[in-house]
Amino acid sequence: MRRFSLAAGLACAVVDTALMLPLTFPTGRDKRVAMTAAFVERFVLGFTVGPVTRTLGGRGRVTGPAYGLLASIPSAMITGTRAPILVMGAVNGLAVGAAYDRLGATAG
């Protein structure tokens, strides 16, 4: 489970951070802070979907998107960029949840 969680966390973090590269920010520092915050938030999301699904005993394809959506609400509210953040949270959760359903029981 630990290897799965680490890989899922890194995958979510890298994908979402890469999607932010073309965005413009007032300063370079603002961009670094935003990208670092997104990396950490999405790493935690990807890292925790598997354990949350295991704890709740549900299917990852259901738990993942719901958890991703809920975990994304604070950032969406703070930034005012609701749709992209919420959609990517749900998509990341779905991807990790589906992978967990497929590999979770055997992922070390």
N, C-alpha and C. Protein backbone atom coordinates (compact mmCIF):
# COMPACT_ATOMS: atom_id res chain seq x y z
N MET A 1 0.83 -1.20 0.00
CA MET A 1 0.00 0.00 0.00
C MET A 1 0.87 1.25 0.00
N ARG A 2 1.99 1.22 0.69
CA ARG A 2 2.82 2.42 0.75
C ARG A 2 3.37 2.80 -0.62
N ARG A 3 3.82 1.80 -1.37
CA ARG A 3 4.36 2.11 -2.71
C ARG A 3 3.26 2.64 -3.63
N PHE A 4 2.08 2.04 -3.54
CA PHE A 4 0.96 2.52 -4.33
C PHE A 4 0.64 3.97 -3.98
N SER A 5 0.55 4.26 -2.69
CA SER A 5 0.21 5.61 -2.24
C SER A 5 1.25 6.63 -2.68
N LEU A 6 2.52 6.28 -2.55
CA LEU A 6 3.59 7.20 -2.99
C LEU A 6 3.51 7.45 -4.49
N ALA A 7 3.33 6.39 -5.27
CA ALA A 7 3.25 6.55 -6.72
C ALA A 7 2.02 7.37 -7.11
N ALA A 8 0.88 7.09 -6.48
CA ALA A 8 -0.34 7.83 -6.79
C ALA A 8 -0.20 9.30 -6.41
N GLY A 9 0.39 9.56 -5.25
CA GLY A 9 0.59 10.93 -4.81
C GLY A 9 1.50 11.70 -5.75
N LEU A 10 2.60 11.08 -6.14
CA LEU A 10 3.52 11.75 -7.06
C LEU A 10 2.89 11.97 -8.43
N ALA A 11 2.13 10.99 -8.92
CA ALA A 11 1.48 11.14 -10.22
C ALA A 11 0.49 12.31 -10.21
N CYS A 12 -0.34 12.37 -9.19
CA CYS A 12 -1.31 13.47 -9.09
C CYS A 12 -0.60 14.82 -9.00
N ALA A 13 0.44 14.87 -8.17
CA ALA A 13 1.16 16.13 -7.97
C ALA A 13 1.84 16.60 -9.24
N VAL A 14 2.49 15.70 -9.93
CA VAL A 14 3.22 16.07 -11.15
C VAL A 14 2.25 16.52 -12.24
N VAL A 15 1.16 15.79 -12.43
CA VAL A 15 0.20 16.15 -13.47
C VAL A 15 -0.40 17.52 -13.20
N ASP A 16 -0.88 17.75 -11.99
CA ASP A 16 -1.52 19.04 -11.71
C ASP A 16 -0.53 20.20 -11.74
N THR A 17 0.68 19.97 -11.28
CA THR A 17 1.68 21.04 -11.31
C THR A 17 2.07 21.34 -12.75
N ALA A 18 2.19 20.31 -13.58
CA ALA A 18 2.52 20.54 -14.99
C ALA A 18 1.43 21.33 -15.70
N LEU A 19 0.18 21.09 -15.34
CA LEU A 19 -0.92 21.83 -15.95
C LEU A 19 -0.87 23.32 -15.61
N MET A 20 -0.19 23.67 -14.54
CA MET A 20 -0.09 25.07 -14.13
C MET A 20 1.04 25.82 -14.82
N LEU A 21 1.95 25.12 -15.48
CA LEU A 21 3.10 25.77 -16.10
C LEU A 21 2.73 26.91 -17.05
N PRO A 22 1.72 26.76 -17.92
CA PRO A 22 1.42 27.87 -18.84
C PRO A 22 0.68 29.05 -18.19
N LEU A 23 0.22 28.91 -16.97
CA LEU A 23 -0.53 30.00 -16.33
C LEU A 23 0.38 31.17 -16.00
N THR A 24 -0.19 32.36 -16.02
CA THR A 24 0.58 33.55 -15.66
C THR A 24 0.18 34.00 -14.26
N PHE A 25 1.13 34.54 -13.56
CA PHE A 25 0.95 35.05 -12.20
C PHE A 25 1.58 36.43 -12.13
N PRO A 26 1.18 37.24 -11.15
CA PRO A 26 1.74 38.60 -11.04
C PRO A 26 3.26 38.61 -10.91
N THR A 27 3.81 37.65 -10.14
CA THR A 27 5.27 37.60 -9.97
C THR A 27 5.73 36.15 -10.05
N GLY A 28 7.02 35.99 -10.25
CA GLY A 28 7.60 34.65 -10.26
C GLY A 28 7.43 33.96 -8.92
N ARG A 29 7.52 34.74 -7.86
CA ARG A 29 7.35 34.18 -6.52
C ARG A 29 5.93 33.65 -6.34
N ASP A 30 4.94 34.40 -6.82
CA ASP A 30 3.55 33.95 -6.73
C ASP A 30 3.36 32.62 -7.46
N LYS A 31 4.00 32.49 -8.61
CA LYS A 31 3.88 31.26 -9.38
C LYS A 31 4.51 30.09 -8.64
N ARG A 32 5.69 30.30 -8.06
CA ARG A 32 6.36 29.24 -7.30
C ARG A 32 5.52 28.82 -6.10
N VAL A 33 4.97 29.78 -5.39
CA VAL A 33 4.14 29.47 -4.22
C VAL A 33 2.90 28.69 -4.64
N ALA A 34 2.23 29.13 -5.69
CA ALA A 34 1.02 28.45 -6.16
C ALA A 34 1.32 27.04 -6.63
N MET A 35 2.41 26.87 -7.35
CA MET A 35 2.75 25.55 -7.86
C MET A 35 3.20 24.62 -6.73
N THR A 36 3.90 25.15 -5.76
CA THR A 36 4.30 24.34 -4.61
C THR A 36 3.08 23.90 -3.81
N ALA A 37 2.17 24.83 -3.58
CA ALA A 37 0.94 24.50 -2.84
C ALA A 37 0.12 23.46 -3.60
N ALA A 38 0.01 23.60 -4.91
CA ALA A 38 -0.73 22.63 -5.72
C ALA A 38 -0.06 21.26 -5.67
N PHE A 39 1.26 21.25 -5.75
CA PHE A 39 2.00 19.99 -5.68
C PHE A 39 1.72 19.27 -4.37
N VAL A 40 1.84 19.99 -3.27
CA VAL A 40 1.63 19.38 -1.96
C VAL A 40 0.18 18.91 -1.80
N GLU A 41 -0.77 19.75 -2.19
CA GLU A 41 -2.18 19.38 -2.04
C GLU A 41 -2.52 18.14 -2.84
N ARG A 42 -2.09 18.09 -4.09
CA ARG A 42 -2.41 16.95 -4.94
C ARG A 42 -1.63 15.71 -4.56
N PHE A 43 -0.40 15.88 -4.02
CA PHE A 43 0.33 14.72 -3.52
C PHE A 43 -0.45 14.09 -2.37
N VAL A 44 -0.91 14.91 -1.45
CA VAL A 44 -1.67 14.39 -0.31
C VAL A 44 -2.96 13.72 -0.79
N LEU A 45 -3.63 14.32 -1.75
CA LEU A 45 -4.85 13.73 -2.29
C LEU A 45 -4.55 12.34 -2.86
N GLY A 46 -3.59 12.25 -3.75
CA GLY A 46 -3.25 10.96 -4.36
C GLY A 46 -2.76 9.94 -3.34
N PHE A 47 -1.99 10.42 -2.37
CA PHE A 47 -1.43 9.55 -1.35
C PHE A 47 -2.51 8.95 -0.45
N THR A 48 -3.58 9.67 -0.21
CA THR A 48 -4.58 9.23 0.76
C THR A 48 -5.81 8.54 0.19
N VAL A 49 -6.03 8.58 -1.10
CA VAL A 49 -7.23 7.94 -1.67
C VAL A 49 -7.25 6.44 -1.36
N GLY A 50 -6.16 5.75 -1.57
CA GLY A 50 -6.11 4.31 -1.30
C GLY A 50 -6.42 3.97 0.15
N PRO A 51 -5.71 4.57 1.11
CA PRO A 51 -6.02 4.28 2.51
C PRO A 51 -7.44 4.65 2.93
N VAL A 52 -7.96 5.76 2.41
CA VAL A 52 -9.33 6.15 2.74
C VAL A 52 -10.31 5.12 2.18
N THR A 53 -10.08 4.69 0.95
CA THR A 53 -10.95 3.68 0.34
C THR A 53 -10.89 2.39 1.14
N ARG A 54 -9.70 1.98 1.51
CA ARG A 54 -9.55 0.74 2.31
C ARG A 54 -10.28 0.87 3.64
N THR A 55 -10.12 2.01 4.30
CA THR A 55 -10.76 2.22 5.60
C THR A 55 -12.28 2.22 5.49
N LEU A 56 -12.81 2.88 4.47
CA LEU A 56 -14.26 2.94 4.30
C LEU A 56 -14.83 1.65 3.73
N GLY A 57 -13.99 0.86 3.10
CA GLY A 57 -14.44 -0.41 2.57
C GLY A 57 -15.25 -0.31 1.29
N GLY A 58 -15.18 0.81 0.63
CA GLY A 58 -15.94 0.99 -0.60
C GLY A 58 -15.12 0.71 -1.83
N ARG A 59 -15.66 1.09 -2.95
CA ARG A 59 -14.95 0.97 -4.22
C ARG A 59 -14.19 2.26 -4.48
N GLY A 60 -12.98 2.15 -4.96
CA GLY A 60 -12.16 3.32 -5.24
C GLY A 60 -12.75 4.23 -6.30
N ARG A 61 -13.46 3.65 -7.26
CA ARG A 61 -14.06 4.46 -8.32
C ARG A 61 -15.18 5.34 -7.82
N VAL A 62 -15.69 5.05 -6.63
CA VAL A 62 -16.72 5.89 -6.02
C VAL A 62 -16.09 6.79 -4.96
N THR A 63 -15.29 6.18 -4.09
CA THR A 63 -14.66 6.92 -3.01
C THR A 63 -13.68 7.96 -3.53
N GLY A 64 -12.87 7.62 -4.52
CA GLY A 64 -11.83 8.51 -5.03
C GLY A 64 -12.34 9.84 -5.53
N PRO A 65 -13.31 9.86 -6.46
CA PRO A 65 -13.79 11.15 -6.94
C PRO A 65 -14.49 11.96 -5.86
N ALA A 66 -15.25 11.29 -5.00
CA ALA A 66 -15.94 12.02 -3.92
C ALA A 66 -14.92 12.65 -2.98
N TYR A 67 -13.91 11.87 -2.62
CA TYR A 67 -12.86 12.37 -1.73
C TYR A 67 -12.06 13.49 -2.41
N GLY A 68 -11.72 13.31 -3.68
CA GLY A 68 -10.98 14.33 -4.43
C GLY A 68 -11.75 15.63 -4.53
N LEU A 69 -13.04 15.52 -4.77
CA LEU A 69 -13.89 16.71 -4.85
C LEU A 69 -13.95 17.43 -3.51
N LEU A 70 -14.20 16.68 -2.45
CA LEU A 70 -14.27 17.29 -1.12
C LEU A 70 -12.95 17.91 -0.69
N ALA A 71 -11.85 17.23 -0.99
CA ALA A 71 -10.53 17.74 -0.60
C ALA A 71 -10.15 19.00 -1.38
N SER A 72 -10.78 19.21 -2.53
CA SER A 72 -10.45 20.36 -3.37
C SER A 72 -11.27 21.60 -3.05
N ILE A 73 -12.32 21.45 -2.29
CA ILE A 73 -13.20 22.59 -2.01
C ILE A 73 -12.47 23.77 -1.35
N PRO A 74 -11.63 23.55 -0.33
CA PRO A 74 -10.96 24.72 0.27
C PRO A 74 -10.13 25.54 -0.72
N SER A 75 -9.34 24.88 -1.56
CA SER A 75 -8.53 25.61 -2.54
C SER A 75 -9.40 26.32 -3.56
N ALA A 76 -10.48 25.67 -3.97
CA ALA A 76 -11.39 26.30 -4.93
C ALA A 76 -12.03 27.55 -4.33
N MET A 77 -12.38 27.49 -3.07
CA MET A 77 -12.97 28.66 -2.41
C MET A 77 -11.95 29.78 -2.24
N ILE A 78 -10.74 29.44 -1.85
CA ILE A 78 -9.71 30.45 -1.61
C ILE A 78 -9.31 31.15 -2.91
N THR A 79 -9.10 30.38 -3.96
CA THR A 79 -8.61 30.97 -5.22
C THR A 79 -9.72 31.56 -6.07
N GLY A 80 -10.94 31.10 -5.88
CA GLY A 80 -12.03 31.55 -6.72
C GLY A 80 -12.04 30.88 -8.08
N THR A 81 -11.10 29.97 -8.30
CA THR A 81 -11.01 29.21 -9.55
C THR A 81 -11.66 27.86 -9.30
N ARG A 82 -12.96 27.86 -9.25
CA ARG A 82 -13.68 26.69 -8.78
C ARG A 82 -13.66 25.51 -9.74
N ALA A 83 -14.13 25.72 -10.95
CA ALA A 83 -14.31 24.59 -11.88
C ALA A 83 -13.03 23.79 -12.13
N PRO A 84 -11.92 24.43 -12.53
CA PRO A 84 -10.73 23.61 -12.82
C PRO A 84 -10.22 22.85 -11.60
N ILE A 85 -10.25 23.47 -10.45
CA ILE A 85 -9.73 22.81 -9.25
C ILE A 85 -10.63 21.65 -8.85
N LEU A 86 -11.93 21.86 -8.85
CA LEU A 86 -12.86 20.81 -8.45
C LEU A 86 -12.86 19.66 -9.47
N VAL A 87 -12.84 19.99 -10.74
CA VAL A 87 -12.83 18.95 -11.77
C VAL A 87 -11.55 18.12 -11.68
N MET A 88 -10.41 18.78 -11.54
CA MET A 88 -9.15 18.02 -11.45
C MET A 88 -9.08 17.21 -10.17
N GLY A 89 -9.65 17.69 -9.09
CA GLY A 89 -9.71 16.90 -7.86
C GLY A 89 -10.50 15.63 -8.06
N ALA A 90 -11.66 15.76 -8.71
CA ALA A 90 -12.50 14.58 -8.98
C ALA A 90 -11.82 13.63 -9.97
N VAL A 91 -11.19 14.19 -11.00
CA VAL A 91 -10.50 13.34 -11.99
C VAL A 91 -9.32 12.62 -11.36
N ASN A 92 -8.53 13.34 -10.57
CA ASN A 92 -7.42 12.68 -9.88
C ASN A 92 -7.93 11.59 -8.95
N GLY A 93 -8.99 11.89 -8.20
CA GLY A 93 -9.56 10.90 -7.30
C GLY A 93 -10.07 9.68 -8.05
N LEU A 94 -10.72 9.91 -9.19
CA LEU A 94 -11.22 8.79 -10.00
C LEU A 94 -10.06 7.93 -10.52
N ALA A 95 -9.02 8.58 -11.02
CA ALA A 95 -7.87 7.84 -11.56
C ALA A 95 -7.21 7.00 -10.47
N VAL A 96 -6.97 7.60 -9.31
CA VAL A 96 -6.33 6.86 -8.23
C VAL A 96 -7.27 5.79 -7.69
N GLY A 97 -8.55 6.12 -7.56
CA GLY A 97 -9.51 5.13 -7.07
C GLY A 97 -9.63 3.94 -8.00
N ALA A 98 -9.66 4.18 -9.30
CA ALA A 98 -9.73 3.08 -10.27
C ALA A 98 -8.46 2.24 -10.21
N ALA A 99 -7.31 2.90 -10.09
CA ALA A 99 -6.05 2.16 -9.97
C ALA A 99 -6.04 1.35 -8.68
N TYR A 100 -6.58 1.91 -7.62
CA TYR A 100 -6.64 1.18 -6.35
C TYR A 100 -7.53 -0.05 -6.49
N ASP A 101 -8.68 0.11 -7.15
CA ASP A 101 -9.56 -1.05 -7.36
C ASP A 101 -8.83 -2.16 -8.11
N ARG A 102 -8.04 -1.75 -9.06
CA ARG A 102 -7.34 -2.73 -9.90
C ARG A 102 -6.11 -3.32 -9.22
N LEU A 103 -5.34 -2.46 -8.51
CA LEU A 103 -4.05 -2.88 -7.96
C LEU A 103 -3.95 -2.84 -6.45
N GLY A 104 -4.88 -2.17 -5.80
CA GLY A 104 -4.76 -1.89 -4.37
C GLY A 104 -4.51 -3.07 -3.49
N ALA A 105 -5.15 -4.16 -3.77
CA ALA A 105 -5.00 -5.35 -2.92
C ALA A 105 -3.62 -5.95 -3.04
N THR A 106 -2.94 -5.73 -4.18
CA THR A 106 -1.63 -6.34 -4.37
C THR A 106 -0.50 -5.33 -4.32
N ALA A 107 -0.82 -4.03 -4.30
CA ALA A 107 0.24 -3.01 -4.31
C ALA A 107 0.90 -2.95 -2.95
N GLY A 108 2.23 -3.16 -2.95
CA GLY A 108 2.98 -3.16 -1.69
C GLY A 108 3.01 -1.85 -1.10
